Amino acid sequence: MTVVVASKRYSVIVPCYNEAHNLTRMLDSVRVASKNRDSNTLEVLVIDNGSQDGSDDIARAGGAVVLCANRVSISRLRNLGAEAAQGEVLLFLDADMEVPPDWLDRIDEALAAGADALGFVEQVPQEAPWYAQVWSQRIAARRSHDMPVDYLPGRNIAVRRQLYLQVGGFSEALATGEDKDLSLRLIAAGASINSVAGRPMMHWGYERSFSELLRKEFWRQSSHIDLLARHGASVRLMRFPVASVAVLAFLCIGLVAVAVQQWQVALLSFFLSFLPAVGVTFSRGDGLRFRPVAAAQLAFLYWVRFQVAGLSVLRALWLRATTRRSPRP
């Protein structure tokens, strides 16, 4: 990896593919956050992945340096940005994010307090559908104060450049889960990673339909097997995929019991399939447990997530098994 000598304080790195509808808002928010700082302390790098909607022109007009790629992975886009970056601190930001005015001030405060990497609480706009609102409220309630965490989303990470290079950046071998993988490697290297509370970032990339939510969740959950293969079978990495497969199994048993009219077995199986979702809802301190409607909505979303994750994990296991059995040319 070619490394550029750091000559600025911050490098904002934005992967981009057909983000014309989001880029101006994101760039404007970064400009507001940096308005009281020397213009030479911050650079914005937009790594365009072959956009066809004029995203590159919008980025240049907004003062960003545009690097061109050709339909590569999200990890490769971010790593390309990091290779060209001149900043001491790398600020990975997706084009559909909007940062608060005190964004850089809070980054400086967190770094001065000892954080090596950090991310901010996010929220979705008021027009977002109920499932996006409930999921956003869950994270905001859980991270209502500054706290150490074991995972930061790739769309919202600030990290010391030297440490990022030390751990090798984002893994380009992963199709998804690359942000969780980076978080685990940072922690293994002794880094302190924190969630920063206060005024949240706005996430405009929320799912517009429930079917989109299901598709994205299926894709996101496919990373579990790869992460286990890379980092070992820890409780942290095993608990969710194992629970997801178990929940899916109970649901299937319940459906079969209904088909053969074994009603008691069906009721017990459906109860057991829903129990983990209820348990997570009321055990994680999400701040929704005393709001019956929101709590019920959150439990339903967790139940759906378990089902989708179970299917995704089984598919990943099947693909890995068939790949190993395939004869080599």
C-alpha atoms as a PDB file:
ATOM      1  CA  MET A   1       0.000   0.000   0.000  1.00  0.00           C
ATOM      2  CA  THR A   2       1.381   3.402  -0.998  1.00  0.00           C
ATOM      3  CA  VAL A   3       1.275   5.745   1.989  1.00  0.00           C
ATOM      4  CA  VAL A   4       1.057   9.518   1.637  1.00  0.00           C
ATOM      5  CA  VAL A   5       2.795  11.604   4.306  1.00  0.00           C
ATOM      6  CA  ALA A   6       0.244  13.238   6.620  1.00  0.00           C
ATOM      7  CA  SER A   7       0.092  16.989   6.067  1.00  0.00           C
ATOM      8  CA  LYS A   8      -3.452  17.761   7.235  1.00  0.00           C
ATOM      9  CA  ARG A   9      -5.449  17.164  10.381  1.00  0.00           C
ATOM     10  CA  TYR A  10      -8.457  15.428   8.799  1.00  0.00           C
ATOM     11  CA  SER A  11      -9.257  13.472   5.659  1.00  0.00           C
ATOM     12  CA  VAL A  12     -12.963  12.894   4.991  1.00  0.00           C
ATOM     13  CA  ILE A  13     -13.275   9.759   2.848  1.00  0.00           C
ATOM     14  CA  VAL A  14     -16.568   9.220   1.021  1.00  0.00           C
ATOM     15  CA  PRO A  15     -17.267   6.161  -1.171  1.00  0.00           C
ATOM     16  CA  CYS A  16     -19.787   7.053  -3.840  1.00  0.00           C
ATOM     17  CA  TYR A  17     -21.951   5.377  -6.464  1.00  0.00           C
ATOM     18  CA  ASN A  18     -24.837   7.360  -7.992  1.00  0.00           C
ATOM     19  CA  GLU A  19     -25.244   9.588  -4.918  1.00  0.00           C
ATOM     20  CA  ALA A  20     -26.168  12.841  -6.676  1.00  0.00           C
ATOM     21  CA  HIS A  21     -29.296  13.105  -4.504  1.00  0.00           C
ATOM     22  CA  ASN A  22     -27.231  12.995  -1.295  1.00  0.00           C
ATOM     23  CA  LEU A  23     -23.817  14.500  -1.986  1.00  0.00           C
ATOM     24  CA  THR A  24     -24.654  18.200  -1.780  1.00  0.00           C
ATOM     25  CA  ARG A  25     -26.314  17.827   1.623  1.00  0.00           C
ATOM     26  CA  MET A  26     -23.391  15.810   2.993  1.00  0.00           C
ATOM     27  CA  LEU A  27     -20.738  18.194   1.614  1.00  0.00           C
ATOM     28  CA  ASP A  28     -22.616  21.240   2.904  1.00  0.00           C
ATOM     29  CA  SER A  29     -22.789  19.745   6.385  1.00  0.00           C
ATOM     30  CA  VAL A  30     -19.034  19.041   6.384  1.00  0.00           C
ATOM     31  CA  ARG A  31     -18.399  22.602   5.219  1.00  0.00           C
ATOM     32  CA  VAL A  32     -20.476  23.990   8.115  1.00  0.00           C
ATOM     33  CA  ALA A  33     -18.666  21.757  10.607  1.00  0.00           C
ATOM     34  CA  SER A  34     -15.284  23.033   9.407  1.00  0.00           C
ATOM     35  CA  LYS A  35     -16.134  26.710   8.849  1.00  0.00           C
ATOM     36  CA  ASN A  36     -14.118  27.995  11.825  1.00  0.00           C
ATOM     37  CA  ARG A  37     -11.019  26.030  10.903  1.00  0.00           C
ATOM     38  CA  ASP A  38      -8.097  26.658   8.630  1.00  0.00           C
ATOM     39  CA  SER A  39      -9.021  25.420   5.158  1.00  0.00           C
ATOM     40  CA  ASN A  40      -5.711  23.575   4.934  1.00  0.00           C
ATOM     41  CA  THR A  41      -6.534  21.328   7.903  1.00  0.00           C
ATOM     42  CA  LEU A  42      -9.248  19.321   6.140  1.00  0.00           C
ATOM     43  CA  GLU A  43      -9.634  17.597   2.794  1.00  0.00           C
ATOM     44  CA  VAL A  44     -12.629  15.738   1.353  1.00  0.00           C
ATOM     45  CA  LEU A  45     -11.955  12.760  -0.892  1.00  0.00           C
ATOM     46  CA  VAL A  46     -14.868  11.303  -2.857  1.00  0.00           C
ATOM     47  CA  ILE A  47     -14.039   7.919  -4.363  1.00  0.00           C
ATOM     48  CA  ASP A  48     -16.467   7.541  -7.243  1.00  0.00           C
ATOM     49  CA  ASN A  49     -17.271   3.983  -8.264  1.00  0.00           C
ATOM     50  CA  GLY A  50     -18.333   4.648 -11.846  1.00  0.00           C
ATOM     51  CA  SER A  51     -21.382   6.811 -11.127  1.00  0.00           C
ATOM     52  CA  GLN A  52     -23.626   7.707 -14.048  1.00  0.00           C
ATOM     53  CA  ASP A  53     -25.658  10.480 -12.441  1.00  0.00           C
ATOM     54  CA  GLY A  54     -23.072  13.272 -12.306  1.00  0.00           C
ATOM     55  CA  SER A  55     -21.965  12.546  -8.754  1.00  0.00           C
ATOM     56  CA  ASP A  56     -18.343  13.283  -9.645  1.00  0.00           C
ATOM     57  CA  ASP A  57     -19.218  16.769 -10.962  1.00  0.00           C
ATOM     58  CA  ILE A  58     -21.269  17.528  -7.844  1.00  0.00           C
ATOM     59  CA  ALA A  59     -18.389  16.429  -5.635  1.00  0.00           C
ATOM     60  CA  ARG A  60     -15.881  18.644  -7.473  1.00  0.00           C
ATOM     61  CA  ALA A  61     -18.287  21.586  -7.338  1.00  0.00           C
ATOM     62  CA  GLY A  62     -18.547  21.019  -3.592  1.00  0.00           C
ATOM     63  CA  GLY A  63     -14.788  21.281  -3.146  1.00  0.00           C
ATOM     64  CA  ALA A  64     -13.955  17.577  -2.943  1.00  0.00           C
ATOM     65  CA  VAL A  65     -11.080  15.786  -4.600  1.00  0.00           C
ATOM     66  CA  VAL A  66     -12.529  13.012  -6.767  1.00  0.00           C
ATOM     67  CA  LEU A  67     -10.781   9.688  -7.197  1.00  0.00           C
ATOM     68  CA  CYS A  68     -12.158   7.340  -9.833  1.00  0.00           C
ATOM     69  CA  ALA A  69     -12.690   3.595  -9.472  1.00  0.00           C
ATOM     70  CA  ASN A  70     -14.568   1.099 -11.590  1.00  0.00           C
ATOM     71  CA  ARG A  71     -17.183  -0.934  -9.745  1.00  0.00           C
ATOM     72  CA  VAL A  72     -15.006  -2.226  -6.916  1.00  0.00           C
ATOM     73  CA  SER A  73     -16.073  -3.225  -3.404  1.00  0.00           C
ATOM     74  CA  ILE A  74     -16.930  -0.752  -0.671  1.00  0.00           C
ATOM     75  CA  SER A  75     -13.800  -1.840   1.223  1.00  0.00           C
ATOM     76  CA  ARG A  76     -11.629  -1.132  -1.805  1.00  0.00           C
ATOM     77  CA  LEU A  77     -13.189   2.322  -2.206  1.00  0.00           C
ATOM     78  CA  ARG A  78     -12.442   3.217   1.400  1.00  0.00           C
ATOM     79  CA  ASN A  79      -8.918   1.845   1.217  1.00  0.00           C
ATOM     80  CA  LEU A  80      -8.258   3.821  -1.986  1.00  0.00           C
ATOM     81  CA  GLY A  81      -9.308   6.943  -0.129  1.00  0.00           C
ATOM     82  CA  ALA A  82      -7.077   6.102   2.826  1.00  0.00           C
ATOM     83  CA  GLU A  83      -4.096   5.507   0.522  1.00  0.00           C
ATOM     84  CA  ALA A  84      -4.478   8.982  -0.975  1.00  0.00           C
ATOM     85  CA  ALA A  85      -5.392  10.725   2.289  1.00  0.00           C
ATOM     86  CA  GLN A  86      -3.087  13.341   3.806  1.00  0.00           C
ATOM     87  CA  GLY A  87      -4.855  13.582   7.164  1.00  0.00           C
ATOM     88  CA  GLU A  88      -3.707  12.423  10.583  1.00  0.00           C
ATOM     89  CA  VAL A  89      -7.309  11.393  11.280  1.00  0.00           C
ATOM     90  CA  LEU A  90      -9.389   9.478   8.725  1.00  0.00           C
ATOM     91  CA  LEU A  91     -13.088  10.303   8.761  1.00  0.00           C
ATOM     92  CA  PHE A  92     -15.023   7.638   6.865  1.00  0.00           C
ATOM     93  CA  LEU A  93     -18.407   8.987   5.903  1.00  0.00           C
ATOM     94  CA  ASP A  94     -21.045   7.719   3.514  1.00  0.00           C
ATOM     95  CA  ALA A  95     -22.656  10.085   1.048  1.00  0.00           C
ATOM     96  CA  ASP A  96     -26.072   9.664   2.693  1.00  0.00           C
ATOM     97  CA  MET A  97     -24.886  11.038   6.047  1.00  0.00           C
ATOM     98  CA  GLU A  98     -25.306  14.576   7.377  1.00  0.00           C
ATOM     99  CA  VAL A  99     -22.908  15.598  10.132  1.00  0.00           C
ATOM    100  CA  PRO A 100     -23.774  17.995  12.993  1.00  0.00           C
ATOM    101  CA  PRO A 101     -22.114  21.445  13.163  1.00  0.00           C
ATOM    102  CA  ASP A 102     -19.926  20.423  16.134  1.00  0.00           C
ATOM    103  CA  TRP A 103     -18.744  17.198  14.448  1.00  0.00           C
ATOM    104  CA  LEU A 104     -15.027  18.048  14.307  1.00  0.00           C
ATOM    105  CA  ASP A 105     -15.022  19.601  17.782  1.00  0.00           C
ATOM    106  CA  ARG A 106     -16.403  16.405  19.280  1.00  0.00           C
ATOM    107  CA  ILE A 107     -13.923  14.279  17.352  1.00  0.00           C
ATOM    108  CA  ASP A 108     -11.070  16.358  18.754  1.00  0.00           C
ATOM    109  CA  GLU A 109     -12.483  16.035  22.277  1.00  0.00           C
ATOM    110  CA  ALA A 110     -12.836  12.259  22.008  1.00  0.00           C
ATOM    111  CA  LEU A 111      -9.337  11.821  20.595  1.00  0.00           C
ATOM    112  CA  ALA A 112      -7.877  14.072  23.291  1.00  0.00           C
ATOM    113  CA  ALA A 113      -9.655  11.930  25.896  1.00  0.00           C
ATOM    114  CA  GLY A 114      -7.879   8.827  24.603  1.00  0.00           C
ATOM    115  CA  ALA A 115     -10.123   7.346  21.924  1.00  0.00           C
ATOM    116  CA  ASP A 116      -8.376   5.808  18.941  1.00  0.00           C
ATOM    117  CA  ALA A 117     -11.531   5.360  16.860  1.00  0.00           C
ATOM    118  CA  LEU A 118     -15.045   6.645  17.335  1.00  0.00           C
ATOM    119  CA  GLY A 119     -18.472   6.902  15.781  1.00  0.00           C
ATOM    120  CA  PHE A 120     -21.549   8.991  16.431  1.00  0.00           C
ATOM    121  CA  VAL A 121     -25.113   8.147  17.321  1.00  0.00           C
ATOM    122  CA  GLU A 122     -27.331   8.354  14.246  1.00  0.00           C
ATOM    123  CA  GLN A 123     -30.944   9.208  13.654  1.00  0.00           C
ATOM    124  CA  VAL A 124     -33.237   9.118  10.640  1.00  0.00           C
ATOM    125  CA  PRO A 125     -35.421  12.021   9.457  1.00  0.00           C
ATOM    126  CA  GLN A 126     -39.029  12.297  10.600  1.00  0.00           C
ATOM    127  CA  GLU A 127     -40.380  11.163   7.255  1.00  0.00           C
ATOM    128  CA  ALA A 128     -38.694   7.766   7.609  1.00  0.00           C
ATOM    129  CA  PRO A 129     -41.087   4.800   8.020  1.00  0.00           C
ATOM    130  CA  TRP A 130     -41.857   3.373  11.449  1.00  0.00           C
ATOM    131  CA  TYR A 131     -39.358   0.503  11.272  1.00  0.00           C
ATOM    132  CA  ALA A 132     -36.483   2.881  10.506  1.00  0.00           C
ATOM    133  CA  GLN A 133     -37.611   5.191  13.316  1.00  0.00           C
ATOM    134  CA  VAL A 134     -37.844   2.389  15.882  1.00  0.00           C
ATOM    135  CA  TRP A 135     -34.454   0.943  14.919  1.00  0.00           C
ATOM    136  CA  SER A 136     -32.884   4.403  15.155  1.00  0.00           C
ATOM    137  CA  GLN A 137     -34.442   5.016  18.578  1.00  0.00           C
ATOM    138  CA  ARG A 138     -33.054   1.666  19.755  1.00  0.00           C
ATOM    139  CA  ILE A 139     -29.467   2.695  19.001  1.00  0.00           C
ATOM    140  CA  ALA A 140     -29.899   6.217  20.346  1.00  0.00           C
ATOM    141  CA  ALA A 141     -31.310   4.925  23.654  1.00  0.00           C
ATOM    142  CA  ARG A 142     -28.576   2.310  24.004  1.00  0.00           C
ATOM    143  CA  ARG A 143     -25.823   4.855  23.330  1.00  0.00           C
ATOM    144  CA  SER A 144     -27.262   7.801  25.234  1.00  0.00           C
ATOM    145  CA  HIS A 145     -23.842   8.672  26.673  1.00  0.00           C
ATOM    146  CA  ASP A 146     -20.218   8.414  25.574  1.00  0.00           C
ATOM    147  CA  MET A 147     -19.185   4.799  25.960  1.00  0.00           C
ATOM    148  CA  PRO A 148     -16.749   2.137  24.698  1.00  0.00           C
ATOM    149  CA  VAL A 149     -18.222  -0.160  22.041  1.00  0.00           C
ATOM    150  CA  ASP A 150     -17.075  -3.208  20.094  1.00  0.00           C
ATOM    151  CA  TYR A 151     -18.452  -2.158  16.722  1.00  0.00           C
ATOM    152  CA  LEU A 152     -18.670   0.996  14.599  1.00  0.00           C
ATOM    153  CA  PRO A 153     -20.593   1.216  11.290  1.00  0.00           C
ATOM    154  CA  GLY A 154     -18.449   1.920   8.246  1.00  0.00           C
ATOM    155  CA  ARG A 155     -20.539   4.923   7.229  1.00  0.00           C
ATOM    156  CA  ASN A 156     -19.563   6.769  10.403  1.00  0.00           C
ATOM    157  CA  ILE A 157     -16.024   6.089  11.667  1.00  0.00           C
ATOM    158  CA  ALA A 158     -13.222   8.415  12.719  1.00  0.00           C
ATOM    159  CA  VAL A 159      -9.893   6.638  13.276  1.00  0.00           C
ATOM    160  CA  ARG A 160      -6.281   7.617  13.777  1.00  0.00           C
ATOM    161  CA  ARG A 161      -4.580   7.128  10.424  1.00  0.00           C
ATOM    162  CA  GLN A 162      -1.495   5.428  11.839  1.00  0.00           C
ATOM    163  CA  LEU A 163      -3.627   2.841  13.623  1.00  0.00           C
ATOM    164  CA  TYR A 164      -5.778   2.244  10.546  1.00  0.00           C
ATOM    165  CA  LEU A 165      -2.683   1.537   8.468  1.00  0.00           C
ATOM    166  CA  GLN A 166      -1.236  -0.625  11.240  1.00  0.00           C
ATOM    167  CA  VAL A 167      -4.199  -3.054  11.147  1.00  0.00           C
ATOM    168  CA  GLY A 168      -4.341  -3.067   7.342  1.00  0.00           C
ATOM    169  CA  GLY A 169      -7.502  -1.061   6.733  1.00  0.00           C
ATOM    170  CA  PHE A 170     -10.778  -2.590   5.595  1.00  0.00           C
ATOM    171  CA  SER A 171     -10.607  -6.197   4.453  1.00  0.00           C
ATOM    172  CA  GLU A 172     -11.221  -6.415   0.719  1.00  0.00           C
ATOM    173  CA  ALA A 173     -11.913 -10.145   1.042  1.00  0.00           C
ATOM    174  CA  LEU A 174     -15.282  -9.477   2.709  1.00  0.00           C
ATOM    175  CA  ALA A 175     -18.416  -8.575   0.759  1.00  0.00           C
ATOM    176  CA  THR A 176     -20.104  -7.303   3.918  1.00  0.00           C
ATOM    177  CA  GLY A 177     -19.248  -7.081   7.612  1.00  0.00           C
ATOM    178  CA  GLU A 178     -16.029  -5.253   6.761  1.00  0.00           C
ATOM    179  CA  ASP A 179     -16.750  -2.586   9.383  1.00  0.00           C
ATOM    180  CA  LYS A 180     -17.266  -5.144  12.148  1.00  0.00           C
ATOM    181  CA  ASP A 181     -14.094  -6.911  11.029  1.00  0.00           C
ATOM    182  CA  LEU A 182     -12.145  -3.638  11.218  1.00  0.00           C
ATOM    183  CA  SER A 183     -13.568  -2.913  14.679  1.00  0.00           C
ATOM    184  CA  LEU A 184     -12.474  -6.343  15.933  1.00  0.00           C
ATOM    185  CA  ARG A 185      -8.960  -5.905  14.529  1.00  0.00           C
ATOM    186  CA  LEU A 186      -8.654  -2.446  16.061  1.00  0.00           C
ATOM    187  CA  ILE A 187      -9.637  -3.818  19.463  1.00  0.00           C
ATOM    188  CA  ALA A 188      -7.215  -6.732  19.064  1.00  0.00           C
ATOM    189  CA  ALA A 189      -4.484  -4.163  18.391  1.00  0.00           C
ATOM    190  CA  GLY A 190      -5.254  -2.513  21.723  1.00  0.00           C
ATOM    191  CA  ALA A 191      -7.282   0.410  20.362  1.00  0.00           C
ATOM    192  CA  SER A 192      -9.992   2.188  22.290  1.00  0.00           C
ATOM    193  CA  ILE A 193     -13.140   2.606  20.185  1.00  0.00           C
ATOM    194  CA  ASN A 194     -15.999   4.736  21.479  1.00  0.00           C
ATOM    195  CA  SER A 195     -19.507   5.819  20.636  1.00  0.00           C
ATOM    196  CA  VAL A 196     -19.975   9.568  21.042  1.00  0.00           C
ATOM    197  CA  ALA A 197     -23.350  10.853  22.212  1.00  0.00           C
ATOM    198  CA  GLY A 198     -24.809  14.345  21.923  1.00  0.00           C
ATOM    199  CA  ARG A 199     -26.250  15.797  18.759  1.00  0.00           C
ATOM    200  CA  PRO A 200     -26.596  12.837  16.360  1.00  0.00           C
ATOM    201  CA  MET A 201     -25.686  12.425  12.734  1.00  0.00           C
ATOM    202  CA  MET A 202     -28.576  12.261  10.298  1.00  0.00           C
ATOM    203  CA  HIS A 203     -28.751   9.113   8.200  1.00  0.00           C
ATOM    204  CA  TRP A 204     -30.673   9.661   4.975  1.00  0.00           C
ATOM    205  CA  GLY A 205     -29.964   6.188   3.625  1.00  0.00           C
ATOM    206  CA  TYR A 206     -32.769   4.499   5.544  1.00  0.00           C
ATOM    207  CA  GLU A 207     -34.812   1.741   3.907  1.00  0.00           C
ATOM    208  CA  ARG A 208     -37.792   3.131   2.020  1.00  0.00           C
ATOM    209  CA  SER A 209     -39.795  -0.117   2.036  1.00  0.00           C
ATOM    210  CA  PHE A 210     -40.035  -3.204   4.190  1.00  0.00           C
ATOM    211  CA  SER A 211     -38.894  -5.372   1.297  1.00  0.00           C
ATOM    212  CA  GLU A 212     -35.760  -3.227   1.016  1.00  0.00           C
ATOM    213  CA  LEU A 213     -35.185  -3.734   4.740  1.00  0.00           C
ATOM    214  CA  LEU A 214     -35.421  -7.511   4.312  1.00  0.00           C
ATOM    215  CA  ARG A 215     -33.037  -7.546   1.331  1.00  0.00           C
ATOM    216  CA  LYS A 216     -30.433  -5.404   3.066  1.00  0.00           C
ATOM    217  CA  GLU A 217     -30.702  -7.339   6.309  1.00  0.00           C
ATOM    218  CA  PHE A 218     -30.225 -10.649   4.480  1.00  0.00           C
ATOM    219  CA  TRP A 219     -27.119  -9.237   2.822  1.00  0.00           C
ATOM    220  CA  ARG A 220     -25.718  -7.750   6.045  1.00  0.00           C
ATOM    221  CA  GLN A 221     -26.226 -10.937   8.053  1.00  0.00           C
ATOM    222  CA  SER A 222     -24.283 -13.013   5.517  1.00  0.00           C
ATOM    223  CA  SER A 223     -21.025 -11.879   7.128  1.00  0.00           C
ATOM    224  CA  HIS A 224     -21.292 -14.014  10.289  1.00  0.00           C
ATOM    225  CA  ILE A 225     -19.622 -17.138   8.924  1.00  0.00           C
ATOM    226  CA  ASP A 226     -16.769 -15.185   7.338  1.00  0.00           C
ATOM    227  CA  LEU A 227     -16.162 -13.302  10.586  1.00  0.00           C
ATOM    228  CA  LEU A 228     -16.107 -16.536  12.571  1.00  0.00           C
ATOM    229  CA  ALA A 229     -13.606 -17.995  10.107  1.00  0.00           C
ATOM    230  CA  ARG A 230     -11.366 -14.930  10.426  1.00  0.00           C
ATOM    231  CA  HIS A 231     -11.605 -14.251  14.173  1.00  0.00           C
ATOM    232  CA  GLY A 232     -12.452 -17.597  15.753  1.00  0.00           C
ATOM    233  CA  ALA A 233     -15.509 -18.947  17.540  1.00  0.00           C
ATOM    234  CA  SER A 234     -15.948 -16.423  20.333  1.00  0.00           C
ATOM    235  CA  VAL A 235     -19.176 -16.020  22.273  1.00  0.00           C
ATOM    236  CA  ARG A 236     -19.433 -12.487  20.902  1.00  0.00           C
ATOM    237  CA  LEU A 237     -19.497 -13.712  17.308  1.00  0.00           C
ATOM    238  CA  MET A 238     -21.410 -16.966  17.795  1.00  0.00           C
ATOM    239  CA  ARG A 239     -24.375 -15.946  19.909  1.00  0.00           C
ATOM    240  CA  PHE A 240     -26.416 -14.162  17.254  1.00  0.00           C
ATOM    241  CA  PRO A 241     -25.985 -16.610  14.335  1.00  0.00           C
ATOM    242  CA  VAL A 242     -26.644 -19.604  16.607  1.00  0.00           C
ATOM    243  CA  ALA A 243     -29.737 -17.947  18.072  1.00  0.00           C
ATOM    244  CA  SER A 244     -30.923 -16.990  14.598  1.00  0.00           C
ATOM    245  CA  VAL A 245     -30.729 -20.561  13.281  1.00  0.00           C
ATOM    246  CA  ALA A 246     -32.499 -21.814  16.415  1.00  0.00           C
ATOM    247  CA  VAL A 247     -35.290 -19.257  16.015  1.00  0.00           C
ATOM    248  CA  LEU A 248     -35.720 -20.220  12.370  1.00  0.00           C
ATOM    249  CA  ALA A 249     -35.848 -23.901  13.343  1.00  0.00           C
ATOM    250  CA  PHE A 250     -38.582 -23.272  15.917  1.00  0.00           C
ATOM    251  CA  LEU A 251     -40.608 -21.353  13.343  1.00  0.00           C
ATOM    252  CA  CYS A 252     -40.311 -24.197  10.835  1.00  0.00           C
ATOM    253  CA  ILE A 253     -41.317 -26.756  13.475  1.00  0.00           C
ATOM    254  CA  GLY A 254     -44.344 -24.610  14.297  1.00  0.00           C
ATOM    255  CA  LEU A 255     -45.403 -24.399  10.672  1.00  0.00           C
ATOM    256  CA  VAL A 256     -45.071 -28.154  10.241  1.00  0.00           C
ATOM    257  CA  ALA A 257     -47.071 -28.692  13.439  1.00  0.00           C
ATOM    258  CA  VAL A 258     -49.844 -26.486  12.067  1.00  0.00           C
ATOM    259  CA  ALA A 259     -49.869 -28.511   8.862  1.00  0.00           C
ATOM    260  CA  VAL A 260     -50.391 -31.747  10.796  1.00  0.00           C
ATOM    261  CA  GLN A 261     -52.735 -30.074  13.299  1.00  0.00           C
ATOM    262  CA  GLN A 262     -50.491 -30.504  16.327  1.00  0.00           C
ATOM    263  CA  TRP A 263     -51.682 -27.289  17.924  1.00  0.00           C
ATOM    264  CA  GLN A 264     -49.869 -27.523  21.239  1.00  0.00           C
ATOM    265  CA  VAL A 265     -46.543 -28.181  19.512  1.00  0.00           C
ATOM    266  CA  ALA A 266     -47.256 -25.325  17.126  1.00  0.00           C
ATOM    267  CA  LEU A 267     -48.018 -22.853  19.913  1.00  0.00           C
ATOM    268  CA  LEU A 268     -44.941 -23.872  21.897  1.00  0.00           C
ATOM    269  CA  SER A 269     -42.710 -23.620  18.822  1.00  0.00           C
ATOM    270  CA  PHE A 270     -44.033 -20.190  17.837  1.00  0.00           C
ATOM    271  CA  PHE A 271     -43.602 -19.010  21.434  1.00  0.00           C
ATOM    272  CA  LEU A 272     -39.990 -20.229  21.492  1.00  0.00           C
ATOM    273  CA  SER A 273     -39.295 -18.587  18.114  1.00  0.00           C
ATOM    274  CA  PHE A 274     -40.485 -15.232  19.429  1.00  0.00           C
ATOM    275  CA  LEU A 275     -38.941 -15.473  22.903  1.00  0.00           C
ATOM    276  CA  PRO A 276     -35.385 -14.316  21.970  1.00  0.00           C
ATOM    277  CA  ALA A 277     -36.783 -11.202  20.278  1.00  0.00           C
ATOM    278  CA  VAL A 278     -38.749 -10.309  23.393  1.00  0.00           C
ATOM    279  CA  GLY A 279     -35.747 -11.034  25.569  1.00  0.00           C
ATOM    280  CA  VAL A 280     -33.449  -8.776  23.556  1.00  0.00           C
ATOM    281  CA  THR A 281     -36.066  -6.014  23.515  1.00  0.00           C
ATOM    282  CA  PHE A 282     -36.331  -5.924  27.299  1.00  0.00           C
ATOM    283  CA  SER A 283     -32.765  -6.762  28.268  1.00  0.00           C
ATOM    284  CA  ARG A 284     -30.683  -4.336  26.210  1.00  0.00           C
ATOM    285  CA  GLY A 285     -31.828  -1.114  27.876  1.00  0.00           C
ATOM    286  CA  ASP A 286     -33.185   0.321  24.653  1.00  0.00           C
ATOM    287  CA  GLY A 287     -35.421   2.759  26.531  1.00  0.00           C
ATOM    288  CA  LEU A 288     -38.563   1.490  24.790  1.00  0.00           C
ATOM    289  CA  ARG A 289     -39.765  -1.050  27.313  1.00  0.00           C
ATOM    290  CA  PHE A 290     -42.237   1.362  28.933  1.00  0.00           C
ATOM    291  CA  ARG A 291     -43.752   2.356  25.584  1.00  0.00           C
ATOM    292  CA  PRO A 292     -45.950  -0.601  24.698  1.00  0.00           C
ATOM    293  CA  VAL A 293     -46.427   0.136  21.009  1.00  0.00           C
ATOM    294  CA  ALA A 294     -42.759   0.900  20.363  1.00  0.00           C
ATOM    295  CA  ALA A 295     -41.667  -2.115  22.422  1.00  0.00           C
ATOM    296  CA  ALA A 296     -43.982  -4.394  20.419  1.00  0.00           C
ATOM    297  CA  GLN A 297     -42.672  -2.933  17.165  1.00  0.00           C
ATOM    298  CA  LEU A 298     -39.074  -3.431  18.246  1.00  0.00           C
ATOM    299  CA  ALA A 299     -39.734  -7.023  19.315  1.00  0.00           C
ATOM    300  CA  PHE A 300     -41.307  -7.704  15.922  1.00  0.00           C
ATOM    301  CA  LEU A 301     -38.282  -6.209  14.132  1.00  0.00           C
ATOM    302  CA  TYR A 302     -35.912  -8.337  16.205  1.00  0.00           C
ATOM    303  CA  TRP A 303     -38.009 -11.431  15.382  1.00  0.00           C
ATOM    304  CA  VAL A 304     -37.848 -10.633  11.672  1.00  0.00           C
ATOM    305  CA  ARG A 305     -34.120  -9.999  11.955  1.00  0.00           C
ATOM    306  CA  PHE A 306     -33.580 -13.374  13.605  1.00  0.00           C
ATOM    307  CA  GLN A 307     -35.484 -15.125  10.807  1.00  0.00           C
ATOM    308  CA  VAL A 308     -33.642 -13.325   8.023  1.00  0.00           C
ATOM    309  CA  ALA A 309     -30.298 -13.852   9.733  1.00  0.00           C
ATOM    310  CA  GLY A 310     -31.014 -17.557  10.166  1.00  0.00           C
ATOM    311  CA  LEU A 311     -31.679 -17.930   6.452  1.00  0.00           C
ATOM    312  CA  SER A 312     -28.582 -15.905   5.592  1.00  0.00           C
ATOM    313  CA  VAL A 313     -26.346 -17.927   7.923  1.00  0.00           C
ATOM    314  CA  LEU A 314     -27.601 -21.233   6.506  1.00  0.00           C
ATOM    315  CA  ARG A 315     -27.039 -19.985   2.967  1.00  0.00           C
ATOM    316  CA  ALA A 316     -23.491 -18.861   3.855  1.00  0.00           C
ATOM    317  CA  LEU A 317     -22.754 -22.267   5.387  1.00  0.00           C
ATOM    318  CA  TRP A 318     -24.100 -24.033   2.313  1.00  0.00           C
ATOM    319  CA  LEU A 319     -22.052 -21.860  -0.045  1.00  0.00           C
ATOM    320  CA  ARG A 320     -18.898 -22.442   1.980  1.00  0.00           C
ATOM    321  CA  ALA A 321     -19.510 -26.210   2.035  1.00  0.00           C
ATOM    322  CA  THR A 322     -20.204 -26.448  -1.702  1.00  0.00           C
ATOM    323  CA  THR A 323     -17.150 -24.320  -2.498  1.00  0.00           C
ATOM    324  CA  ARG A 324     -14.930 -26.656  -0.500  1.00  0.00           C
ATOM    325  CA  ARG A 325     -16.392 -29.717  -2.289  1.00  0.00           C
ATOM    326  CA  SER A 326     -16.002 -28.229  -5.753  1.00  0.00           C
ATOM    327  CA  PRO A 327     -13.092 -29.815  -7.671  1.00  0.00           C
ATOM    328  CA  ARG A 328     -10.179 -27.517  -8.379  1.00  0.00           C
ATOM    329  CA  PRO A 329      -9.364 -26.903 -12.040  1.00  0.00           C
END
